[in-house]
Amino acid sequence: MNQAIQFIDRLEFREPDHKLVFFAQVNGMLVECIIAVSTLKLTDESHATEYFEKYRFEYEERAEQLIEEESYNSAGQIEVDLVSFS
């Protein structure tokens, strides 16, 4: 794990856009990591939180890779693909 990247215990469910947002601190700066979850049909924040907690490690690991690759979008966010974890 890269010591310059730390994931903080904060999660937001942005309902109009059906996005889960978790946050990384990268060299002291807060970076939003976005997961578009519209296809999962998560009905509310509690369902979204439950889903994220189940796959937290996998999403954080993928986000860390994208941060290290500097794969930021035009808004300075990291977009993490929704994938099926087994």
PDB file of N, CA and C in Angstrom:
ATOM      1  N   MET A   1       0.843  -1.187   0.000  1.00  0.00           N
ATOM      2  CA  MET A   1       0.000   0.000   0.000  1.00  0.00           C
ATOM      3  C   MET A   1       0.879   1.238   0.000  1.00  0.00           C
ATOM      4  N   ASN A   2       0.557   2.167  -0.839  1.00  0.00           N
ATOM      5  CA  ASN A   2       1.283   3.408  -0.945  1.00  0.00           C
ATOM      6  C   ASN A   2       0.942   4.275   0.262  1.00  0.00           C
ATOM      7  N   GLN A   3       1.973   4.688   1.025  1.00  0.00           N
ATOM      8  CA  GLN A   3       1.745   5.481   2.231  1.00  0.00           C
ATOM      9  C   GLN A   3       1.223   6.884   1.918  1.00  0.00           C
ATOM     10  N   ALA A   4       1.431   7.371   0.691  1.00  0.00           N
ATOM     11  CA  ALA A   4       0.954   8.694   0.317  1.00  0.00           C
ATOM     12  C   ALA A   4      -0.538   8.678  -0.012  1.00  0.00           C
ATOM     13  N   ILE A   5      -1.134   7.484  -0.127  1.00  0.00           N
ATOM     14  CA  ILE A   5      -2.568   7.346  -0.424  1.00  0.00           C
ATOM     15  C   ILE A   5      -3.241   6.671   0.763  1.00  0.00           C
ATOM     16  N   GLN A   6      -4.190   7.378   1.359  1.00  0.00           N
ATOM     17  CA  GLN A   6      -4.947   6.810   2.472  1.00  0.00           C
ATOM     18  C   GLN A   6      -6.428   6.995   2.195  1.00  0.00           C
ATOM     19  N   PHE A   7      -7.200   5.945   2.441  1.00  0.00           N
ATOM     20  CA  PHE A   7      -8.642   6.017   2.260  1.00  0.00           C
ATOM     21  C   PHE A   7      -9.273   6.349   3.599  1.00  0.00           C
ATOM     22  N   ILE A   8     -10.146   7.349   3.576  1.00  0.00           N
ATOM     23  CA  ILE A   8     -10.789   7.764   4.819  1.00  0.00           C
ATOM     24  C   ILE A   8     -12.160   7.119   4.927  1.00  0.00           C
ATOM     25  N   ASP A   9     -12.663   7.046   6.126  1.00  0.00           N
ATOM     26  CA  ASP A   9     -13.942   6.382   6.394  1.00  0.00           C
ATOM     27  C   ASP A   9     -15.096   7.351   6.128  1.00  0.00           C
ATOM     28  N   ARG A  10     -15.325   7.592   4.855  1.00  0.00           N
ATOM     29  CA  ARG A  10     -16.413   8.492   4.439  1.00  0.00           C
ATOM     30  C   ARG A  10     -16.974   7.961   3.130  1.00  0.00           C
ATOM     31  N   LEU A  11     -18.278   7.853   3.068  1.00  0.00           N
ATOM     32  CA  LEU A  11     -18.960   7.351   1.886  1.00  0.00           C
ATOM     33  C   LEU A  11     -20.207   8.181   1.652  1.00  0.00           C
ATOM     34  N   GLU A  12     -20.438   8.560   0.420  1.00  0.00           N
ATOM     35  CA  GLU A  12     -21.650   9.298   0.057  1.00  0.00           C
ATOM     36  C   GLU A  12     -22.368   8.555  -1.055  1.00  0.00           C
ATOM     37  N   PHE A  13     -23.696   8.558  -0.989  1.00  0.00           N
ATOM     38  CA  PHE A  13     -24.519   8.014  -2.065  1.00  0.00           C
ATOM     39  C   PHE A  13     -25.219   9.192  -2.705  1.00  0.00           C
ATOM     40  N   ARG A  14     -24.840   9.522  -3.914  1.00  0.00           N
ATOM     41  CA  ARG A  14     -25.429  10.658  -4.629  1.00  0.00           C
ATOM     42  C   ARG A  14     -26.564  10.121  -5.477  1.00  0.00           C
ATOM     43  N   GLU A  15     -27.747  10.249  -4.896  1.00  0.00           N
ATOM     44  CA  GLU A  15     -28.928   9.598  -5.450  1.00  0.00           C
ATOM     45  C   GLU A  15     -29.339  10.048  -6.851  1.00  0.00           C
ATOM     46  N   PRO A  16     -29.378  11.339  -7.147  1.00  0.00           N
ATOM     47  CA  PRO A  16     -29.822  11.697  -8.506  1.00  0.00           C
ATOM     48  C   PRO A  16     -28.959  11.063  -9.599  1.00  0.00           C
ATOM     49  N   ASP A  17     -27.656  10.938  -9.332  1.00  0.00           N
ATOM     50  CA  ASP A  17     -26.741  10.373 -10.320  1.00  0.00           C
ATOM     51  C   ASP A  17     -26.489   8.887 -10.099  1.00  0.00           C
ATOM     52  N   HIS A  18     -26.986   8.337  -9.000  1.00  0.00           N
ATOM     53  CA  HIS A  18     -26.737   6.942  -8.611  1.00  0.00           C
ATOM     54  C   HIS A  18     -25.243   6.634  -8.621  1.00  0.00           C
ATOM     55  N   LYS A  19     -24.527   7.423  -7.818  1.00  0.00           N
ATOM     56  CA  LYS A  19     -23.086   7.231  -7.702  1.00  0.00           C
ATOM     57  C   LYS A  19     -22.711   7.060  -6.239  1.00  0.00           C
ATOM     58  N   LEU A  20     -21.788   6.146  -6.014  1.00  0.00           N
ATOM     59  CA  LEU A  20     -21.161   6.006  -4.706  1.00  0.00           C
ATOM     60  C   LEU A  20     -19.865   6.792  -4.769  1.00  0.00           C
ATOM     61  N   VAL A  21     -19.604   7.563  -3.729  1.00  0.00           N
ATOM     62  CA  VAL A  21     -18.379   8.343  -3.685  1.00  0.00           C
ATOM     63  C   VAL A  21     -17.649   7.998  -2.398  1.00  0.00           C
ATOM     64  N   PHE A  22     -16.421   7.523  -2.542  1.00  0.00           N
ATOM     65  CA  PHE A  22     -15.574   7.332  -1.377  1.00  0.00           C
ATOM     66  C   PHE A  22     -14.340   8.196  -1.585  1.00  0.00           C
ATOM     67  N   PHE A  23     -13.581   8.405  -0.528  1.00  0.00           N
ATOM     68  CA  PHE A  23     -12.561   9.433  -0.567  1.00  0.00           C
ATOM     69  C   PHE A  23     -11.186   8.898  -0.212  1.00  0.00           C
ATOM     70  N   ALA A  24     -10.202   9.419  -0.927  1.00  0.00           N
ATOM     71  CA  ALA A  24      -8.809   9.100  -0.658  1.00  0.00           C
ATOM     72  C   ALA A  24      -8.087  10.399  -0.340  1.00  0.00           C
ATOM     73  N   GLN A  25      -7.135  10.293   0.546  1.00  0.00           N
ATOM     74  CA  GLN A  25      -6.265  11.426   0.809  1.00  0.00           C
ATOM     75  C   GLN A  25      -4.946  11.108   0.107  1.00  0.00           C
ATOM     76  N   VAL A  26      -4.589  11.968  -0.836  1.00  0.00           N
ATOM     77  CA  VAL A  26      -3.398  11.754  -1.650  1.00  0.00           C
ATOM     78  C   VAL A  26      -2.456  12.930  -1.421  1.00  0.00           C
ATOM     79  N   ASN A  27      -1.354  12.653  -0.737  1.00  0.00           N
ATOM     80  CA  ASN A  27      -0.392  13.710  -0.411  1.00  0.00           C
ATOM     81  C   ASN A  27      -1.081  14.919   0.209  1.00  0.00           C
ATOM     82  N   GLY A  28      -2.030  14.666   1.107  1.00  0.00           N
ATOM     83  CA  GLY A  28      -2.728  15.722   1.827  1.00  0.00           C
ATOM     84  C   GLY A  28      -3.946  16.290   1.117  1.00  0.00           C
ATOM     85  N   MET A  29      -4.189  15.911  -0.125  1.00  0.00           N
ATOM     86  CA  MET A  29      -5.346  16.415  -0.864  1.00  0.00           C
ATOM     87  C   MET A  29      -6.457  15.372  -0.873  1.00  0.00           C
ATOM     88  N   LEU A  30      -7.704  15.823  -0.746  1.00  0.00           N
ATOM     89  CA  LEU A  30      -8.853  14.931  -0.765  1.00  0.00           C
ATOM     90  C   LEU A  30      -9.274  14.667  -2.209  1.00  0.00           C
ATOM     91  N   VAL A  31      -9.373  13.394  -2.567  1.00  0.00           N
ATOM     92  CA  VAL A  31      -9.742  12.996  -3.929  1.00  0.00           C
ATOM     93  C   VAL A  31     -11.015  12.166  -3.856  1.00  0.00           C
ATOM     94  N   GLU A  32     -11.992  12.538  -4.680  1.00  0.00           N
ATOM     95  CA  GLU A  32     -13.231  11.765  -4.762  1.00  0.00           C
ATOM     96  C   GLU A  32     -13.026  10.578  -5.691  1.00  0.00           C
ATOM     97  N   CYS A  33     -13.448   9.412  -5.231  1.00  0.00           N
ATOM     98  CA  CYS A  33     -13.415   8.196  -6.040  1.00  0.00           C
ATOM     99  C   CYS A  33     -14.870   7.828  -6.311  1.00  0.00           C
ATOM    100  N   ILE A  34     -15.233   7.779  -7.567  1.00  0.00           N
ATOM    101  CA  ILE A  34     -16.627   7.645  -7.993  1.00  0.00           C
ATOM    102  C   ILE A  34     -16.896   6.244  -8.550  1.00  0.00           C
ATOM    103  N   ILE A  35     -18.005   5.654  -8.105  1.00  0.00           N
ATOM    104  CA  ILE A  35     -18.472   4.389  -8.670  1.00  0.00           C
ATOM    105  C   ILE A  35     -19.899   4.632  -9.159  1.00  0.00           C
ATOM    106  N   ALA A  36     -20.134   4.504 -10.451  1.00  0.00           N
ATOM    107  CA  ALA A  36     -21.489   4.640 -10.993  1.00  0.00           C
ATOM    108  C   ALA A  36     -22.228   3.329 -10.741  1.00  0.00           C
ATOM    109  N   VAL A  37     -23.279   3.388  -9.952  1.00  0.00           N
ATOM    110  CA  VAL A  37     -23.976   2.163  -9.535  1.00  0.00           C
ATOM    111  C   VAL A  37     -25.415   2.096 -10.042  1.00  0.00           C
ATOM    112  N   SER A  38     -25.732   2.835 -11.080  1.00  0.00           N
ATOM    113  CA  SER A  38     -27.122   2.875 -11.561  1.00  0.00           C
ATOM    114  C   SER A  38     -27.638   1.507 -11.967  1.00  0.00           C
ATOM    115  N   THR A  39     -26.803   0.640 -12.498  1.00  0.00           N
ATOM    116  CA  THR A  39     -27.244  -0.683 -12.929  1.00  0.00           C
ATOM    117  C   THR A  39     -27.502  -1.636 -11.759  1.00  0.00           C
ATOM    118  N   LEU A  40     -27.036  -1.273 -10.566  1.00  0.00           N
ATOM    119  CA  LEU A  40     -27.244  -2.138  -9.404  1.00  0.00           C
ATOM    120  C   LEU A  40     -28.610  -1.945  -8.755  1.00  0.00           C
ATOM    121  N   LYS A  41     -29.286  -0.874  -9.108  1.00  0.00           N
ATOM    122  CA  LYS A  41     -30.611  -0.580  -8.563  1.00  0.00           C
ATOM    123  C   LYS A  41     -30.591  -0.511  -7.028  1.00  0.00           C
ATOM    124  N   LEU A  42     -29.591   0.198  -6.498  1.00  0.00           N
ATOM    125  CA  LEU A  42     -29.533   0.426  -5.052  1.00  0.00           C
ATOM    126  C   LEU A  42     -30.595   1.464  -4.712  1.00  0.00           C
ATOM    127  N   THR A  43     -31.482   1.123  -3.818  1.00  0.00           N
ATOM    128  CA  THR A  43     -32.649   1.961  -3.585  1.00  0.00           C
ATOM    129  C   THR A  43     -32.415   3.124  -2.632  1.00  0.00           C
ATOM    130  N   ASP A  44     -31.463   2.991  -1.736  1.00  0.00           N
ATOM    131  CA  ASP A  44     -31.214   4.083  -0.807  1.00  0.00           C
ATOM    132  C   ASP A  44     -29.781   4.005  -0.271  1.00  0.00           C
ATOM    133  N   GLU A  45     -29.462   4.942   0.592  1.00  0.00           N
ATOM    134  CA  GLU A  45     -28.096   5.028   1.111  1.00  0.00           C
ATOM    135  C   GLU A  45     -27.687   3.797   1.910  1.00  0.00           C
ATOM    136  N   SER A  46     -28.608   3.197   2.636  1.00  0.00           N
ATOM    137  CA  SER A  46     -28.246   2.015   3.430  1.00  0.00           C
ATOM    138  C   SER A  46     -27.881   0.830   2.531  1.00  0.00           C
ATOM    139  N   HIS A  47     -28.608   0.654   1.433  1.00  0.00           N
ATOM    140  CA  HIS A  47     -28.264  -0.410   0.483  1.00  0.00           C
ATOM    141  C   HIS A  47     -26.914  -0.130  -0.181  1.00  0.00           C
ATOM    142  N   ALA A  48     -26.673   1.129  -0.525  1.00  0.00           N
ATOM    143  CA  ALA A  48     -25.407   1.511  -1.148  1.00  0.00           C
ATOM    144  C   ALA A  48     -24.245   1.272  -0.191  1.00  0.00           C
ATOM    145  N   THR A  49     -24.431   1.630   1.064  1.00  0.00           N
ATOM    146  CA  THR A  49     -23.385   1.427   2.064  1.00  0.00           C
ATOM    147  C   THR A  49     -23.106  -0.051   2.269  1.00  0.00           C
ATOM    148  N   GLU A  50     -24.143  -0.836   2.335  1.00  0.00           N
ATOM    149  CA  GLU A  50     -23.992  -2.289   2.495  1.00  0.00           C
ATOM    150  C   GLU A  50     -23.208  -2.888   1.329  1.00  0.00           C
ATOM    151  N   TYR A  51     -23.547  -2.468   0.117  1.00  0.00           N
ATOM    152  CA  TYR A  51     -22.845  -2.944  -1.065  1.00  0.00           C
ATOM    153  C   TYR A  51     -21.364  -2.558  -1.001  1.00  0.00           C
ATOM    154  N   PHE A  52     -21.101  -1.279  -0.704  1.00  0.00           N
ATOM    155  CA  PHE A  52     -19.712  -0.820  -0.688  1.00  0.00           C
ATOM    156  C   PHE A  52     -18.890  -1.551   0.375  1.00  0.00           C
ATOM    157  N   GLU A  53     -19.454  -1.730   1.559  1.00  0.00           N
ATOM    158  CA  GLU A  53     -18.719  -2.405   2.627  1.00  0.00           C
ATOM    159  C   GLU A  53     -18.345  -3.831   2.229  1.00  0.00           C
ATOM    160  N   LYS A  54     -19.194  -4.464   1.453  1.00  0.00           N
ATOM    161  CA  LYS A  54     -18.926  -5.835   1.020  1.00  0.00           C
ATOM    162  C   LYS A  54     -17.692  -5.908   0.110  1.00  0.00           C
ATOM    163  N   TYR A  55     -17.491  -4.867  -0.694  1.00  0.00           N
ATOM    164  CA  TYR A  55     -16.393  -4.864  -1.671  1.00  0.00           C
ATOM    165  C   TYR A  55     -15.396  -3.731  -1.445  1.00  0.00           C
ATOM    166  N   ARG A  56     -15.375  -3.176  -0.265  1.00  0.00           N
ATOM    167  CA  ARG A  56     -14.521  -2.019   0.047  1.00  0.00           C
ATOM    168  C   ARG A  56     -13.066  -2.249  -0.359  1.00  0.00           C
ATOM    169  N   PHE A  57     -12.489  -3.356   0.061  1.00  0.00           N
ATOM    170  CA  PHE A  57     -11.071  -3.591  -0.194  1.00  0.00           C
ATOM    171  C   PHE A  57     -10.785  -3.616  -1.696  1.00  0.00           C
ATOM    172  N   GLU A  58     -11.629  -4.277  -2.456  1.00  0.00           N
ATOM    173  CA  GLU A  58     -11.421  -4.374  -3.891  1.00  0.00           C
ATOM    174  C   GLU A  58     -11.516  -3.006  -4.570  1.00  0.00           C
ATOM    175  N   TYR A  59     -12.501  -2.191  -4.158  1.00  0.00           N
ATOM    176  CA  TYR A  59     -12.644  -0.859  -4.746  1.00  0.00           C
ATOM    177  C   TYR A  59     -11.482   0.046  -4.356  1.00  0.00           C
ATOM    178  N   GLU A  60     -11.050  -0.023  -3.110  1.00  0.00           N
ATOM    179  CA  GLU A  60      -9.930   0.804  -2.680  1.00  0.00           C
ATOM    180  C   GLU A  60      -8.645   0.402  -3.399  1.00  0.00           C
ATOM    181  N   GLU A  61      -8.459  -0.886  -3.597  1.00  0.00           N
ATOM    182  CA  GLU A  61      -7.278  -1.363  -4.312  1.00  0.00           C
ATOM    183  C   GLU A  61      -7.270  -0.864  -5.757  1.00  0.00           C
ATOM    184  N   ARG A  62      -8.413  -0.938  -6.422  1.00  0.00           N
ATOM    185  CA  ARG A  62      -8.511  -0.461  -7.805  1.00  0.00           C
ATOM    186  C   ARG A  62      -8.319   1.053  -7.875  1.00  0.00           C
ATOM    187  N   ALA A  63      -8.917   1.782  -6.934  1.00  0.00           N
ATOM    188  CA  ALA A  63      -8.764   3.235  -6.907  1.00  0.00           C
ATOM    189  C   ALA A  63      -7.305   3.620  -6.686  1.00  0.00           C
ATOM    190  N   GLU A  64      -6.620   2.883  -5.826  1.00  0.00           N
ATOM    191  CA  GLU A  64      -5.202   3.148  -5.579  1.00  0.00           C
ATOM    192  C   GLU A  64      -4.396   2.992  -6.868  1.00  0.00           C
ATOM    193  N   GLN A  65      -4.688   1.950  -7.640  1.00  0.00           N
ATOM    194  CA  GLN A  65      -3.992   1.753  -8.922  1.00  0.00           C
ATOM    195  C   GLN A  65      -4.233   2.940  -9.859  1.00  0.00           C
ATOM    196  N   LEU A  66      -5.484   3.368  -9.946  1.00  0.00           N
ATOM    197  CA  LEU A  66      -5.832   4.478 -10.836  1.00  0.00           C
ATOM    198  C   LEU A  66      -5.175   5.786 -10.386  1.00  0.00           C
ATOM    199  N   ILE A  67      -5.092   5.995  -9.076  1.00  0.00           N
ATOM    200  CA  ILE A  67      -4.425   7.192  -8.551  1.00  0.00           C
ATOM    201  C   ILE A  67      -2.944   7.156  -8.907  1.00  0.00           C
ATOM    202  N   GLU A  68      -2.321   6.005  -8.717  1.00  0.00           N
ATOM    203  CA  GLU A  68      -0.897   5.879  -9.046  1.00  0.00           C
ATOM    204  C   GLU A  68      -0.644   6.094 -10.535  1.00  0.00           C
ATOM    205  N   GLU A  69      -1.614   5.727 -11.366  1.00  0.00           N
ATOM    206  CA  GLU A  69      -1.509   5.939 -12.819  1.00  0.00           C
ATOM    207  C   GLU A  69      -1.911   7.363 -13.210  1.00  0.00           C
ATOM    208  N   GLU A  70      -2.351   8.143 -12.219  1.00  0.00           N
ATOM    209  CA  GLU A  70      -2.820   9.512 -12.429  1.00  0.00           C
ATOM    210  C   GLU A  70      -3.962   9.571 -13.435  1.00  0.00           C
ATOM    211  N   SER A  71      -4.911   8.652 -13.285  1.00  0.00           N
ATOM    212  CA  SER A  71      -6.062   8.547 -14.192  1.00  0.00           C
ATOM    213  C   SER A  71      -7.246   9.379 -13.695  1.00  0.00           C
ATOM    214  N   TYR A  72      -7.003  10.650 -13.473  1.00  0.00           N
ATOM    215  CA  TYR A  72      -8.054  11.550 -12.998  1.00  0.00           C
ATOM    216  C   TYR A  72      -8.914  12.015 -14.166  1.00  0.00           C
ATOM    217  N   ASN A  73     -10.204  12.227 -13.904  1.00  0.00           N
ATOM    218  CA  ASN A  73     -11.064  12.800 -14.941  1.00  0.00           C
ATOM    219  C   ASN A  73     -10.887  14.323 -14.935  1.00  0.00           C
ATOM    220  N   SER A  74     -11.630  15.020 -15.775  1.00  0.00           N
ATOM    221  CA  SER A  74     -11.455  16.471 -15.898  1.00  0.00           C
ATOM    222  C   SER A  74     -11.839  17.229 -14.623  1.00  0.00           C
ATOM    223  N   ALA A  75     -12.605  16.594 -13.739  1.00  0.00           N
ATOM    224  CA  ALA A  75     -12.983  17.218 -12.468  1.00  0.00           C
ATOM    225  C   ALA A  75     -12.026  16.844 -11.335  1.00  0.00           C
ATOM    226  N   GLY A  76     -10.976  16.099 -11.663  1.00  0.00           N
ATOM    227  CA  GLY A  76     -10.003  15.705 -10.651  1.00  0.00           C
ATOM    228  C   GLY A  76     -10.438  14.513  -9.820  1.00  0.00           C
ATOM    229  N   GLN A  77     -11.401  13.762 -10.316  1.00  0.00           N
ATOM    230  CA  GLN A  77     -11.919  12.584  -9.617  1.00  0.00           C
ATOM    231  C   GLN A  77     -11.349  11.309 -10.247  1.00  0.00           C
ATOM    232  N   ILE A  78     -11.427  10.253  -9.473  1.00  0.00           N
ATOM    233  CA  ILE A  78     -11.057   8.924  -9.957  1.00  0.00           C
ATOM    234  C   ILE A  78     -12.354   8.164 -10.206  1.00  0.00           C
ATOM    235  N   GLU A  79     -12.551   7.682 -11.417  1.00  0.00           N
ATOM    236  CA  GLU A  79     -13.741   6.916 -11.756  1.00  0.00           C
ATOM    237  C   GLU A  79     -13.389   5.434 -11.724  1.00  0.00           C
ATOM    238  N   VAL A  80     -13.971   4.743 -10.765  1.00  0.00           N
ATOM    239  CA  VAL A  80     -13.708   3.316 -10.593  1.00  0.00           C
ATOM    240  C   VAL A  80     -14.818   2.541 -11.280  1.00  0.00           C
ATOM    241  N   ASP A  81     -14.437   1.661 -12.187  1.00  0.00           N
ATOM    242  CA  ASP A  81     -15.425   0.874 -12.914  1.00  0.00           C
ATOM    243  C   ASP A  81     -16.189  -0.061 -11.980  1.00  0.00           C
ATOM    244  N   LEU A  82     -17.455  -0.204 -12.264  1.00  0.00           N
ATOM    245  CA  LEU A  82     -18.284  -1.156 -11.556  1.00  0.00           C
ATOM    246  C   LEU A  82     -17.991  -2.527 -12.136  1.00  0.00           C
ATOM    247  N   VAL A  83     -17.485  -3.403 -11.311  1.00  0.00           N
ATOM    248  CA  VAL A  83     -17.167  -4.749 -11.783  1.00  0.00           C
ATOM    249  C   VAL A  83     -17.793  -5.768 -10.849  1.00  0.00           C
ATOM    250  N   SER A  84     -17.866  -6.946 -11.333  1.00  0.00           N
ATOM    251  CA  SER A  84     -18.402  -8.065 -10.561  1.00  0.00           C
ATOM    252  C   SER A  84     -17.249  -8.731  -9.816  1.00  0.00           C
ATOM    253  N   PHE A  85     -17.348  -8.774  -8.508  1.00  0.00           N
ATOM    254  CA  PHE A  85     -16.320  -9.415  -7.700  1.00  0.00           C
ATOM    255  C   PHE A  85     -16.786 -10.785  -7.274  1.00  0.00           C
ATOM    256  N   SER A  86     -15.884 -11.747  -7.314  1.00  0.00           N
ATOM    257  CA  SER A  86     -16.237 -13.091  -6.889  1.00  0.00           C
ATOM    258  C   SER A  86     -15.553 -13.424  -5.590  1.00  0.00           C
TER     259      SER A  86
END
